[in-house]
Amino acid sequence: MYSTLLSVIIAIGLIIHEIFFDLDLPQIRRLTIGGSVITFLIVFPLLLITERLFDIDNKYEIEKLKKEIEKLKK
């Protein structure tokens, strides 16, 4: 749940960053809501995929640590 919320916030932040820091005022006037929605629909899934890839490695490490803890308990 928290990861999805974080991904939504980051996706929106990236769109805002692109609009205000990389565009001139005449270019900002040409932006549409549809373009922002499409950008969000592209950025949001990419963030989720990236997060999942990093989470796979974390799950492996957690399982490894759990096995070591179980060995130490025995």
PDB file of N, CA and C in Angstrom:
ATOM      1  N   MET A   1       0.824  -1.192   0.000  1.00  0.00           N
ATOM      2  CA  MET A   1       0.000   0.000   0.000  1.00  0.00           C
ATOM      3  C   MET A   1       0.866   1.253   0.000  1.00  0.00           C
ATOM      4  N   TYR A   2       1.856   1.303   0.897  1.00  0.00           N
ATOM      5  CA  TYR A   2       2.699   2.489   0.977  1.00  0.00           C
ATOM      6  C   TYR A   2       3.549   2.647  -0.278  1.00  0.00           C
ATOM      7  N   SER A   3       3.984   1.527  -0.841  1.00  0.00           N
ATOM      8  CA  SER A   3       4.815   1.609  -2.038  1.00  0.00           C
ATOM      9  C   SER A   3       4.026   2.155  -3.223  1.00  0.00           C
ATOM     10  N   THR A   4       2.756   1.781  -3.325  1.00  0.00           N
ATOM     11  CA  THR A   4       1.928   2.294  -4.404  1.00  0.00           C
ATOM     12  C   THR A   4       1.710   3.789  -4.234  1.00  0.00           C
ATOM     13  N   LEU A   5       1.444   4.219  -3.021  1.00  0.00           N
ATOM     14  CA  LEU A   5       1.264   5.644  -2.753  1.00  0.00           C
ATOM     15  C   LEU A   5       2.546   6.411  -3.070  1.00  0.00           C
ATOM     16  N   LEU A   6       3.680   5.865  -2.676  1.00  0.00           N
ATOM     17  CA  LEU A   6       4.958   6.509  -2.965  1.00  0.00           C
ATOM     18  C   LEU A   6       5.191   6.594  -4.473  1.00  0.00           C
ATOM     19  N   SER A   7       4.838   5.548  -5.206  1.00  0.00           N
ATOM     20  CA  SER A   7       5.013   5.563  -6.659  1.00  0.00           C
ATOM     21  C   SER A   7       4.130   6.616  -7.314  1.00  0.00           C
ATOM     22  N   VAL A   8       2.909   6.766  -6.830  1.00  0.00           N
ATOM     23  CA  VAL A   8       2.006   7.787  -7.372  1.00  0.00           C
ATOM     24  C   VAL A   8       2.588   9.177  -7.118  1.00  0.00           C
ATOM     25  N   ILE A   9       3.064   9.416  -5.917  1.00  0.00           N
ATOM     26  CA  ILE A   9       3.624  10.719  -5.574  1.00  0.00           C
ATOM     27  C   ILE A   9       4.862  11.017  -6.413  1.00  0.00           C
ATOM     28  N   ILE A  10       5.724  10.032  -6.592  1.00  0.00           N
ATOM     29  CA  ILE A  10       6.932  10.238  -7.392  1.00  0.00           C
ATOM     30  C   ILE A  10       6.581  10.486  -8.856  1.00  0.00           C
ATOM     31  N   ALA A  11       5.604   9.744  -9.381  1.00  0.00           N
ATOM     32  CA  ALA A  11       5.196   9.945 -10.773  1.00  0.00           C
ATOM     33  C   ALA A  11       4.675  11.365 -10.983  1.00  0.00           C
ATOM     34  N   ILE A  12       3.845  11.828 -10.075  1.00  0.00           N
ATOM     35  CA  ILE A  12       3.318  13.193 -10.174  1.00  0.00           C
ATOM     36  C   ILE A  12       4.452  14.205 -10.032  1.00  0.00           C
ATOM     37  N   GLY A  13       5.374  13.940  -9.116  1.00  0.00           N
ATOM     38  CA  GLY A  13       6.523  14.833  -8.941  1.00  0.00           C
ATOM     39  C   GLY A  13       7.392  14.917 -10.180  1.00  0.00           C
ATOM     40  N   LEU A  14       7.591  13.787 -10.854  1.00  0.00           N
ATOM     41  CA  LEU A  14       8.390  13.803 -12.081  1.00  0.00           C
ATOM     42  C   LEU A  14       7.716  14.613 -13.182  1.00  0.00           C
ATOM     43  N   ILE A  15       6.403  14.495 -13.270  1.00  0.00           N
ATOM     44  CA  ILE A  15       5.675  15.282 -14.271  1.00  0.00           C
ATOM     45  C   ILE A  15       5.794  16.765 -13.965  1.00  0.00           C
ATOM     46  N   ILE A  16       5.608  17.138 -12.704  1.00  0.00           N
ATOM     47  CA  ILE A  16       5.719  18.550 -12.317  1.00  0.00           C
ATOM     48  C   ILE A  16       7.135  19.064 -12.559  1.00  0.00           C
ATOM     49  N   HIS A  17       8.121  18.250 -12.239  1.00  0.00           N
ATOM     50  CA  HIS A  17       9.521  18.641 -12.476  1.00  0.00           C
ATOM     51  C   HIS A  17       9.745  18.909 -13.951  1.00  0.00           C
ATOM     52  N   GLU A  18       9.271  18.023 -14.802  1.00  0.00           N
ATOM     53  CA  GLU A  18       9.437  18.191 -16.248  1.00  0.00           C
ATOM     54  C   GLU A  18       8.776  19.473 -16.726  1.00  0.00           C
ATOM     55  N   ILE A  19       7.597  19.753 -16.214  1.00  0.00           N
ATOM     56  CA  ILE A  19       6.856  20.930 -16.673  1.00  0.00           C
ATOM     57  C   ILE A  19       7.551  22.223 -16.263  1.00  0.00           C
ATOM     58  N   PHE A  20       7.906  22.352 -15.012  1.00  0.00           N
ATOM     59  CA  PHE A  20       8.369  23.648 -14.513  1.00  0.00           C
ATOM     60  C   PHE A  20       9.870  23.890 -14.648  1.00  0.00           C
ATOM     61  N   PHE A  21      10.665  22.836 -14.701  1.00  0.00           N
ATOM     62  CA  PHE A  21      12.110  23.059 -14.764  1.00  0.00           C
ATOM     63  C   PHE A  21      12.696  22.878 -16.152  1.00  0.00           C
ATOM     64  N   ASP A  22      11.993  22.176 -17.017  1.00  0.00           N
ATOM     65  CA  ASP A  22      12.561  21.905 -18.334  1.00  0.00           C
ATOM     66  C   ASP A  22      11.866  22.626 -19.478  1.00  0.00           C
ATOM     67  N   LEU A  23      10.748  23.291 -19.216  1.00  0.00           N
ATOM     68  CA  LEU A  23       9.999  23.950 -20.285  1.00  0.00           C
ATOM     69  C   LEU A  23       9.979  25.457 -20.103  1.00  0.00           C
ATOM     70  N   ASP A  24       9.907  26.156 -21.225  1.00  0.00           N
ATOM     71  CA  ASP A  24       9.724  27.608 -21.207  1.00  0.00           C
ATOM     72  C   ASP A  24       8.237  27.910 -21.078  1.00  0.00           C
ATOM     73  N   LEU A  25       7.906  29.169 -20.766  1.00  0.00           N
ATOM     74  CA  LEU A  25       6.511  29.563 -20.595  1.00  0.00           C
ATOM     75  C   LEU A  25       5.658  29.294 -21.843  1.00  0.00           C
ATOM     76  N   PRO A  26       6.134  29.579 -23.063  1.00  0.00           N
ATOM     77  CA  PRO A  26       5.302  29.260 -24.241  1.00  0.00           C
ATOM     78  C   PRO A  26       5.050  27.749 -24.385  1.00  0.00           C
ATOM     79  N   GLN A  27       6.015  26.943 -24.004  1.00  0.00           N
ATOM     80  CA  GLN A  27       5.835  25.496 -24.092  1.00  0.00           C
ATOM     81  C   GLN A  27       4.844  25.012 -23.041  1.00  0.00           C
ATOM     82  N   ILE A  28       4.842  25.616 -21.860  1.00  0.00           N
ATOM     83  CA  ILE A  28       3.906  25.221 -20.801  1.00  0.00           C
ATOM     84  C   ILE A  28       2.468  25.505 -21.238  1.00  0.00           C
ATOM     85  N   ARG A  29       2.254  26.577 -21.989  1.00  0.00           N
ATOM     86  CA  ARG A  29       0.905  26.919 -22.452  1.00  0.00           C
ATOM     87  C   ARG A  29       0.342  25.857 -23.395  1.00  0.00           C
ATOM     88  N   ARG A  30       1.203  25.113 -24.082  1.00  0.00           N
ATOM     89  CA  ARG A  30       0.734  24.113 -25.045  1.00  0.00           C
ATOM     90  C   ARG A  30       0.391  22.776 -24.390  1.00  0.00           C
ATOM     91  N   LEU A  31       0.692  22.608 -23.114  1.00  0.00           N
ATOM     92  CA  LEU A  31       0.435  21.339 -22.450  1.00  0.00           C
ATOM     93  C   LEU A  31      -1.062  21.086 -22.299  1.00  0.00           C
ATOM     94  N   THR A  32      -1.404  19.805 -22.341  1.00  0.00           N
ATOM     95  CA  THR A  32      -2.808  19.430 -22.169  1.00  0.00           C
ATOM     96  C   THR A  32      -2.928  18.458 -20.998  1.00  0.00           C
ATOM     97  N   ILE A  33      -4.127  18.342 -20.490  1.00  0.00           N
ATOM     98  CA  ILE A  33      -4.374  17.385 -19.398  1.00  0.00           C
ATOM     99  C   ILE A  33      -4.187  15.961 -19.935  1.00  0.00           C
ATOM    100  N   GLY A  34      -4.616  15.719 -21.155  1.00  0.00           N
ATOM    101  CA  GLY A  34      -4.459  14.389 -21.749  1.00  0.00           C
ATOM    102  C   GLY A  34      -3.003  13.963 -21.814  1.00  0.00           C
ATOM    103  N   GLY A  35      -2.129  14.903 -22.175  1.00  0.00           N
ATOM    104  CA  GLY A  35      -0.698  14.589 -22.229  1.00  0.00           C
ATOM    105  C   GLY A  35      -0.144  14.278 -20.848  1.00  0.00           C
ATOM    106  N   SER A  36      -0.607  14.993 -19.840  1.00  0.00           N
ATOM    107  CA  SER A  36      -0.165  14.722 -18.469  1.00  0.00           C
ATOM    108  C   SER A  36      -0.643  13.356 -18.003  1.00  0.00           C
ATOM    109  N   VAL A  37      -1.878  12.998 -18.364  1.00  0.00           N
ATOM    110  CA  VAL A  37      -2.417  11.690 -17.983  1.00  0.00           C
ATOM    111  C   VAL A  37      -1.636  10.569 -18.671  1.00  0.00           C
ATOM    112  N   ILE A  38      -1.341  10.745 -19.943  1.00  0.00           N
ATOM    113  CA  ILE A  38      -0.574   9.723 -20.664  1.00  0.00           C
ATOM    114  C   ILE A  38       0.816   9.581 -20.048  1.00  0.00           C
ATOM    115  N   THR A  39       1.448  10.705 -19.731  1.00  0.00           N
ATOM    116  CA  THR A  39       2.757  10.653 -19.095  1.00  0.00           C
ATOM    117  C   THR A  39       2.677   9.927 -17.758  1.00  0.00           C
ATOM    118  N   PHE A  40       1.643  10.216 -16.979  1.00  0.00           N
ATOM    119  CA  PHE A  40       1.458   9.544 -15.692  1.00  0.00           C
ATOM    120  C   PHE A  40       1.290   8.041 -15.897  1.00  0.00           C
ATOM    121  N   LEU A  41       0.507   7.662 -16.906  1.00  0.00           N
ATOM    122  CA  LEU A  41       0.265   6.239 -17.172  1.00  0.00           C
ATOM    123  C   LEU A  41       1.526   5.511 -17.638  1.00  0.00           C
ATOM    124  N   ILE A  42       2.481   6.243 -18.144  1.00  0.00           N
ATOM    125  CA  ILE A  42       3.756   5.632 -18.532  1.00  0.00           C
ATOM    126  C   ILE A  42       4.713   5.592 -17.347  1.00  0.00           C
ATOM    127  N   VAL A  43       4.824   6.699 -16.618  1.00  0.00           N
ATOM    128  CA  VAL A  43       5.792   6.793 -15.518  1.00  0.00           C
ATOM    129  C   VAL A  43       5.405   5.906 -14.342  1.00  0.00           C
ATOM    130  N   PHE A  44       4.128   5.879 -13.969  1.00  0.00           N
ATOM    131  CA  PHE A  44       3.680   5.132 -12.801  1.00  0.00           C
ATOM    132  C   PHE A  44       3.993   3.636 -12.906  1.00  0.00           C
ATOM    133  N   PRO A  45       3.641   2.953 -14.001  1.00  0.00           N
ATOM    134  CA  PRO A  45       3.991   1.526 -14.076  1.00  0.00           C
ATOM    135  C   PRO A  45       5.501   1.283 -14.089  1.00  0.00           C
ATOM    136  N   LEU A  46       6.254   2.180 -14.711  1.00  0.00           N
ATOM    137  CA  LEU A  46       7.707   2.016 -14.711  1.00  0.00           C
ATOM    138  C   LEU A  46       8.273   2.111 -13.304  1.00  0.00           C
ATOM    139  N   LEU A  47       7.730   3.000 -12.477  1.00  0.00           N
ATOM    140  CA  LEU A  47       8.164   3.085 -11.088  1.00  0.00           C
ATOM    141  C   LEU A  47       7.810   1.820 -10.315  1.00  0.00           C
ATOM    142  N   LEU A  48       6.625   1.279 -10.560  1.00  0.00           N
ATOM    143  CA  LEU A  48       6.229   0.041  -9.888  1.00  0.00           C
ATOM    144  C   LEU A  48       7.129  -1.122 -10.279  1.00  0.00           C
ATOM    145  N   ILE A  49       7.468  -1.202 -11.564  1.00  0.00           N
ATOM    146  CA  ILE A  49       8.358  -2.265 -12.027  1.00  0.00           C
ATOM    147  C   ILE A  49       9.737  -2.118 -11.396  1.00  0.00           C
ATOM    148  N   THR A  50      10.257  -0.891 -11.363  1.00  0.00           N
ATOM    149  CA  THR A  50      11.563  -0.651 -10.757  1.00  0.00           C
ATOM    150  C   THR A  50      11.549  -1.017  -9.276  1.00  0.00           C
ATOM    151  N   GLU A  51      10.487  -0.636  -8.591  1.00  0.00           N
ATOM    152  CA  GLU A  51      10.377  -0.968  -7.175  1.00  0.00           C
ATOM    153  C   GLU A  51      10.334  -2.475  -6.973  1.00  0.00           C
ATOM    154  N   ARG A  52       9.590  -3.175  -7.807  1.00  0.00           N
ATOM    155  CA  ARG A  52       9.477  -4.638  -7.697  1.00  0.00           C
ATOM    156  C   ARG A  52      10.839  -5.301  -7.927  1.00  0.00           C
ATOM    157  N   LEU A  53      11.608  -4.773  -8.880  1.00  0.00           N
ATOM    158  CA  LEU A  53      12.930  -5.343  -9.143  1.00  0.00           C
ATOM    159  C   LEU A  53      13.843  -5.205  -7.929  1.00  0.00           C
ATOM    160  N   PHE A  54      13.810  -4.057  -7.277  1.00  0.00           N
ATOM    161  CA  PHE A  54      14.627  -3.886  -6.085  1.00  0.00           C
ATOM    162  C   PHE A  54      14.101  -4.723  -4.935  1.00  0.00           C
ATOM    163  N   ASP A  55      12.794  -4.925  -4.885  1.00  0.00           N
ATOM    164  CA  ASP A  55      12.180  -5.704  -3.819  1.00  0.00           C
ATOM    165  C   ASP A  55      12.528  -7.192  -3.939  1.00  0.00           C
ATOM    166  N   ILE A  56      12.725  -7.677  -5.162  1.00  0.00           N
ATOM    167  CA  ILE A  56      13.090  -9.084  -5.363  1.00  0.00           C
ATOM    168  C   ILE A  56      14.399  -9.387  -4.652  1.00  0.00           C
ATOM    169  N   ASP A  57      15.371  -8.516  -4.796  1.00  0.00           N
ATOM    170  CA  ASP A  57      16.661  -8.720  -4.140  1.00  0.00           C
ATOM    171  C   ASP A  57      16.501  -8.645  -2.623  1.00  0.00           C
ATOM    172  N   ASN A  58      15.675  -7.740  -2.146  1.00  0.00           N
ATOM    173  CA  ASN A  58      15.450  -7.625  -0.700  1.00  0.00           C
ATOM    174  C   ASN A  58      14.802  -8.880  -0.144  1.00  0.00           C
ATOM    175  N   LYS A  59      13.855  -9.458  -0.864  1.00  0.00           N
ATOM    176  CA  LYS A  59      13.197 -10.678  -0.395  1.00  0.00           C
ATOM    177  C   LYS A  59      14.211 -11.818  -0.285  1.00  0.00           C
ATOM    178  N   TYR A  60      15.108 -11.902  -1.242  1.00  0.00           N
ATOM    179  CA  TYR A  60      16.140 -12.934  -1.209  1.00  0.00           C
ATOM    180  C   TYR A  60      17.026 -12.753   0.025  1.00  0.00           C
ATOM    181  N   GLU A  61      17.417 -11.509   0.292  1.00  0.00           N
ATOM    182  CA  GLU A  61      18.267 -11.230   1.455  1.00  0.00           C
ATOM    183  C   GLU A  61      17.541 -11.527   2.764  1.00  0.00           C
ATOM    184  N   ILE A  62      16.255 -11.196   2.838  1.00  0.00           N
ATOM    185  CA  ILE A  62      15.483 -11.457   4.053  1.00  0.00           C
ATOM    186  C   ILE A  62      15.360 -12.958   4.299  1.00  0.00           C
ATOM    187  N   GLU A  63      15.095 -13.712   3.247  1.00  0.00           N
ATOM    188  CA  GLU A  63      15.007 -15.165   3.396  1.00  0.00           C
ATOM    189  C   GLU A  63      16.344 -15.743   3.864  1.00  0.00           C
ATOM    190  N   LYS A  64      17.414 -15.236   3.324  1.00  0.00           N
ATOM    191  CA  LYS A  64      18.751 -15.686   3.711  1.00  0.00           C
ATOM    192  C   LYS A  64      19.006 -15.394   5.195  1.00  0.00           C
ATOM    193  N   LEU A  65      18.633 -14.197   5.644  1.00  0.00           N
ATOM    194  CA  LEU A  65      18.816 -13.837   7.048  1.00  0.00           C
ATOM    195  C   LEU A  65      17.927 -14.675   7.964  1.00  0.00           C
ATOM    196  N   LYS A  66      16.712 -14.969   7.531  1.00  0.00           N
ATOM    197  CA  LYS A  66      15.818 -15.813   8.332  1.00  0.00           C
ATOM    198  C   LYS A  66      16.404 -17.207   8.525  1.00  0.00           C
ATOM    199  N   LYS A  67      16.986 -17.753   7.469  1.00  0.00           N
ATOM    200  CA  LYS A  67      17.611 -19.081   7.573  1.00  0.00           C
ATOM    201  C   LYS A  67      18.779 -19.058   8.550  1.00  0.00           C
ATOM    202  N   GLU A  68      19.561 -18.001   8.494  1.00  0.00           N
ATOM    203  CA  GLU A  68      20.700 -17.892   9.410  1.00  0.00           C
ATOM    204  C   GLU A  68      20.225 -17.751  10.859  1.00  0.00           C
ATOM    205  N   ILE A  69      19.156 -17.008  11.071  1.00  0.00           N
ATOM    206  CA  ILE A  69      18.610 -16.854  12.429  1.00  0.00           C
ATOM    207  C   ILE A  69      18.102 -18.191  12.952  1.00  0.00           C
ATOM    208  N   GLU A  70      17.421 -18.931  12.080  1.00  0.00           N
ATOM    209  CA  GLU A  70      16.918 -20.252  12.496  1.00  0.00           C
ATOM    210  C   GLU A  70      18.071 -21.195  12.875  1.00  0.00           C
ATOM    211  N   LYS A  71      19.146 -21.132  12.112  1.00  0.00           N
ATOM    212  CA  LYS A  71      20.333 -21.959  12.431  1.00  0.00           C
ATOM    213  C   LYS A  71      20.899 -21.569  13.789  1.00  0.00           C
ATOM    214  N   LEU A  72      20.963 -20.269  14.065  1.00  0.00           N
ATOM    215  CA  LEU A  72      21.510 -19.809  15.337  1.00  0.00           C
ATOM    216  C   LEU A  72      20.603 -20.193  16.500  1.00  0.00           C
ATOM    217  N   LYS A  73      19.302 -20.200  16.291  1.00  0.00           N
ATOM    218  CA  LYS A  73      18.373 -20.599  17.358  1.00  0.00           C
ATOM    219  C   LYS A  73      18.535 -22.073  17.712  1.00  0.00           C
ATOM    220  N   LYS A  74      18.831 -22.897  16.734  1.00  0.00           N
ATOM    221  CA  LYS A  74      18.986 -24.337  16.973  1.00  0.00           C
ATOM    222  C   LYS A  74      20.323 -24.583  17.620  1.00  0.00           C
TER     223      LYS A  74
END
